[in-house]
Every structure is written in C-alpha cells, then in structure tokens.
Amino acid sequence: MKIKQGFTLIELMTVLTVAITLIIVAVPSLTAVYHHLRADSNIRHILQSLQLARNQAMNYEQTVTVCPLTENICSNQWHNGIHVFFDGDEANRLDGEDSLIYTTGKFNDADFVTFNRTSIRFQKNGTASGTNGTLKYCPGDPKSPYSKAIIVSQSGRVRFSNDTNIQCE
C-alpha cells in the first residue's frame, strides 16, 4: 500500500484560518509598538541635535540657531527636519558667513512636530534666552498616547518632559 504525502484541503484551510486570525490580532499591537519606537528614536535624535548646538555655541563662542529652514529662513515647519547652524549675520537666516553644522532628515509625513517658536538660539554662554519652550513630537496623531516632548529652559538646558499627556495642537 502506498503512503500519500501532502496535506488535505481541510488541513490547509485550518492552517490558513489560524494564521489569518493571528495576523489580524497582531497587526494593531505592532502598529502601536512602531509608533512608540519611532517617537522615542526621533525625540532622542532631536535632543542630541539641541545638545550639539549648545555645545558648539559654547565651544566656538558664537550664536547657534536650531530651526527648520524654508529657503534658508527659519520657519515653523518642524516636521520637515531640523538644521543647526552658526548664526552670525541676520538672526534666524542661513546666509553670508553662516555655516551649517548639522541637519536631521525629514520626519515621517504622518507625524507632528511642534514648537512654540520658529527657532531655538543658543548664545555664546550656552543660554537659550528668549527661545525657551517645549518641542513636541507626536507619531501619527496630534493626540497620540506615544507623544514625547523636550523642554528647553532659559539657561539652555534641554531635557525630556515627564508629562504623560502631550498633544501637538
């Protein structure tokens, strides 16, 4: 007698049904994990950019500006990426003798990045006088539970916010 190898149609349908059920259950939780990781990674990248800017301002004794640039002028389009540059000439404008220090890439199109000003300016002594505030990063939705924030103080100190209800509105 021959032994048949393979699967019956019923066995294949059962395996497919179980696999589809697992995928349907797992996808929403994977999306949440992705949003959490994306927010965490990007807010850390922003914090490191701000720390670099402050260090450069103190080391080279020059004003350093951090902002999103649109046609070499600081704008409020923070989701388009952040530029760090020495700002010796006209404030909040990359021109003349100014030199670019660092640029982040554009953030995910579905994300929201907000700050209450168009730029953060670190003075020669490391202070951020007049440009203090809270920079917020919200992945996928302005009211995302995975939102993160960075607080910039007058003294130039940058730190993560401990707030659990961050909204990018």
Protein backbone atom coordinates (compact mmCIF):
# COMPACT_ATOMS: atom_id res chain seq x y z
CA MET A 1 0.00 0.00 0.00
CA LYS A 2 1.29 3.48 -0.93
CA ILE A 3 1.64 6.18 1.70
CA LYS A 4 0.42 9.52 0.40
CA GLN A 5 2.39 12.57 1.38
CA GLY A 6 0.89 16.06 1.49
CA PHE A 7 -1.93 17.94 3.09
CA THR A 8 -5.64 17.68 2.61
CA LEU A 9 -7.70 20.72 1.68
CA ILE A 10 -9.24 20.79 5.16
CA GLU A 11 -5.80 20.86 6.82
CA LEU A 12 -4.65 23.73 4.59
CA MET A 13 -7.84 25.73 5.28
CA THR A 14 -7.40 25.20 9.04
CA VAL A 15 -3.79 26.41 8.97
CA LEU A 16 -4.71 29.46 6.86
CA THR A 17 -7.59 30.35 9.20
CA VAL A 18 -5.33 30.20 12.26
CA ALA A 19 -2.60 32.24 10.50
CA ILE A 20 -5.04 34.94 9.37
CA THR A 21 -6.52 35.17 12.86
CA LEU A 22 -3.06 35.65 14.38
CA ILE A 23 -2.18 38.35 11.84
CA ILE A 24 -5.43 40.22 12.49
CA VAL A 25 -4.76 40.20 16.22
CA ALA A 26 -1.05 41.09 15.96
CA VAL A 27 -1.08 43.97 13.43
CA PRO A 28 -2.71 46.62 15.67
CA SER A 29 -0.27 45.94 18.50
CA LEU A 30 2.68 46.07 16.09
CA THR A 31 1.50 49.48 14.87
CA ALA A 32 1.47 50.73 18.46
CA VAL A 33 4.99 49.41 19.01
CA TYR A 34 6.14 51.08 15.78
CA HIS A 35 4.66 54.46 16.84
CA HIS A 36 6.28 54.19 20.27
CA LEU A 37 9.70 53.31 18.85
CA ARG A 38 9.53 55.98 16.13
CA ALA A 39 8.63 58.70 18.65
CA ASP A 40 11.33 57.58 21.07
CA SER A 41 14.01 57.41 18.40
CA ASN A 42 13.18 60.77 16.82
CA ILE A 43 12.85 62.70 20.09
CA ARG A 44 16.27 61.39 21.15
CA HIS A 45 17.69 62.49 17.79
CA ILE A 46 16.23 65.97 18.31
CA LEU A 47 17.60 66.14 21.86
CA GLN A 48 21.08 65.21 20.63
CA SER A 49 20.85 67.90 17.93
CA LEU A 50 19.97 70.51 20.57
CA GLN A 51 22.81 69.37 22.83
CA LEU A 52 25.22 69.57 19.87
CA ALA A 53 24.03 73.11 19.12
CA ARG A 54 24.53 74.26 22.71
CA ASN A 55 28.00 72.69 22.88
CA GLN A 56 29.02 74.31 19.58
CA ALA A 57 27.80 77.71 20.79
CA MET A 58 29.92 77.49 23.95
CA ASN A 59 32.99 75.91 22.33
CA TYR A 60 33.21 78.37 19.43
CA GLU A 61 31.70 81.34 21.31
CA GLN A 62 29.17 82.00 18.56
CA THR A 63 25.40 82.07 18.43
CA VAL A 64 23.99 78.78 17.12
CA THR A 65 20.45 78.52 15.76
CA VAL A 66 18.35 75.36 15.57
CA CYS A 67 15.31 75.52 13.30
CA PRO A 68 13.58 74.10 10.24
CA LEU A 69 14.68 76.01 7.15
CA THR A 70 12.49 77.03 4.25
CA GLU A 71 14.52 78.82 1.57
CA ASN A 72 17.27 79.39 4.18
CA ILE A 73 14.89 81.19 6.57
CA CYS A 74 13.68 79.65 9.84
CA SER A 75 10.05 78.54 9.65
CA ASN A 76 7.56 76.72 11.85
CA GLN A 77 7.59 73.57 9.68
CA TRP A 78 9.41 71.46 12.29
CA HIS A 79 8.30 68.16 10.68
CA ASN A 80 10.49 68.98 7.65
CA GLY A 81 13.66 68.37 9.64
CA ILE A 82 15.95 70.44 11.79
CA HIS A 83 19.04 72.44 10.82
CA VAL A 84 21.78 73.51 13.23
CA PHE A 85 23.96 76.41 12.08
CA PHE A 86 26.24 79.21 13.27
CA ASP A 87 24.12 82.36 13.01
CA GLY A 88 26.38 85.39 12.91
CA ASP A 89 24.61 87.65 10.45
CA GLU A 90 20.88 88.23 10.32
CA ALA A 91 19.10 86.22 13.01
CA ASN A 92 17.17 83.08 12.00
CA ARG A 93 18.54 83.07 8.48
CA LEU A 94 21.28 80.89 6.97
CA ASP A 95 23.22 83.40 4.88
CA GLY A 96 26.56 85.12 4.32
CA GLU A 97 29.21 83.86 6.72
CA ASP A 98 26.85 81.41 8.47
CA SER A 99 27.83 77.77 8.28
CA LEU A 100 25.68 74.68 8.59
CA ILE A 101 26.73 72.35 11.41
CA TYR A 102 24.19 69.54 11.21
CA THR A 103 20.90 68.60 9.56
CA THR A 104 18.37 65.94 10.51
CA GLY A 105 16.32 64.27 7.83
CA LYS A 106 12.67 64.98 7.31
CA PHE A 107 10.45 63.27 9.87
CA ASN A 108 7.71 60.79 8.93
CA ASP A 109 4.95 62.53 6.95
CA ALA A 110 2.27 61.14 9.29
CA ASP A 111 3.96 62.66 12.38
CA PHE A 112 3.51 66.07 14.00
CA VAL A 113 6.43 68.12 15.37
CA THR A 114 5.63 71.43 17.05
CA PHE A 115 7.45 74.16 18.95
CA ASN A 116 6.10 77.47 20.21
CA ARG A 117 8.72 79.46 18.26
CA THR A 118 10.35 79.32 14.83
CA SER A 119 13.84 78.72 16.25
CA ILE A 120 15.94 77.89 19.26
CA ARG A 121 19.01 80.12 19.62
CA PHE A 122 21.91 79.23 21.88
CA GLN A 123 24.11 82.18 22.86
CA LYS A 124 27.89 82.12 23.38
CA ASN A 125 27.43 81.24 27.04
CA GLY A 126 25.04 78.34 26.28
CA THR A 127 21.82 80.08 27.29
CA ALA A 128 18.68 79.95 25.18
CA SER A 129 17.36 83.35 26.26
CA GLY A 130 14.07 84.19 24.61
CA THR A 131 13.73 80.88 22.81
CA ASN A 132 12.73 78.62 25.68
CA GLY A 133 9.73 76.34 25.26
CA THR A 134 8.55 72.78 24.71
CA LEU A 135 9.22 70.90 21.48
CA LYS A 136 6.65 68.14 20.95
CA TYR A 137 6.77 65.03 18.74
CA CYS A 138 3.52 63.15 18.10
CA PRO A 139 3.64 60.00 15.94
CA GLY A 140 0.69 59.56 13.59
CA ASP A 141 -1.85 61.68 15.50
CA PRO A 142 -1.68 65.02 17.39
CA LYS A 143 -3.19 63.24 20.41
CA SER A 144 -1.09 60.08 20.22
CA PRO A 145 -0.51 58.35 23.56
CA TYR A 146 3.11 57.79 22.43
CA SER A 147 3.92 61.50 22.09
CA LYS A 148 7.18 62.81 23.54
CA ALA A 149 8.47 66.28 24.36
CA ILE A 150 11.68 68.17 25.07
CA ILE A 151 11.81 71.18 27.36
CA VAL A 152 14.28 73.96 26.52
CA SER A 153 14.94 76.24 29.51
CA GLN A 154 16.17 79.87 29.53
CA SER A 155 19.51 78.61 30.84
CA GLY A 156 19.90 76.43 27.72
CA ARG A 157 19.31 73.14 29.47
CA VAL A 158 17.43 70.63 27.31
CA ARG A 159 15.66 67.67 28.87
CA PHE A 160 12.88 65.18 28.23
CA SER A 161 9.46 66.10 29.55
CA ASN A 162 7.89 63.81 32.16
CA ASP A 163 4.39 64.83 31.06
CA THR A 164 2.24 61.84 30.03
CA ASN A 165 -0.47 63.83 28.23
CA ILE A 166 1.43 65.53 25.40
CA GLN A 167 -0.58 66.88 22.46
CA CYS A 168 0.72 68.53 19.28
CA GLU A 169 -2.04 71.05 18.75
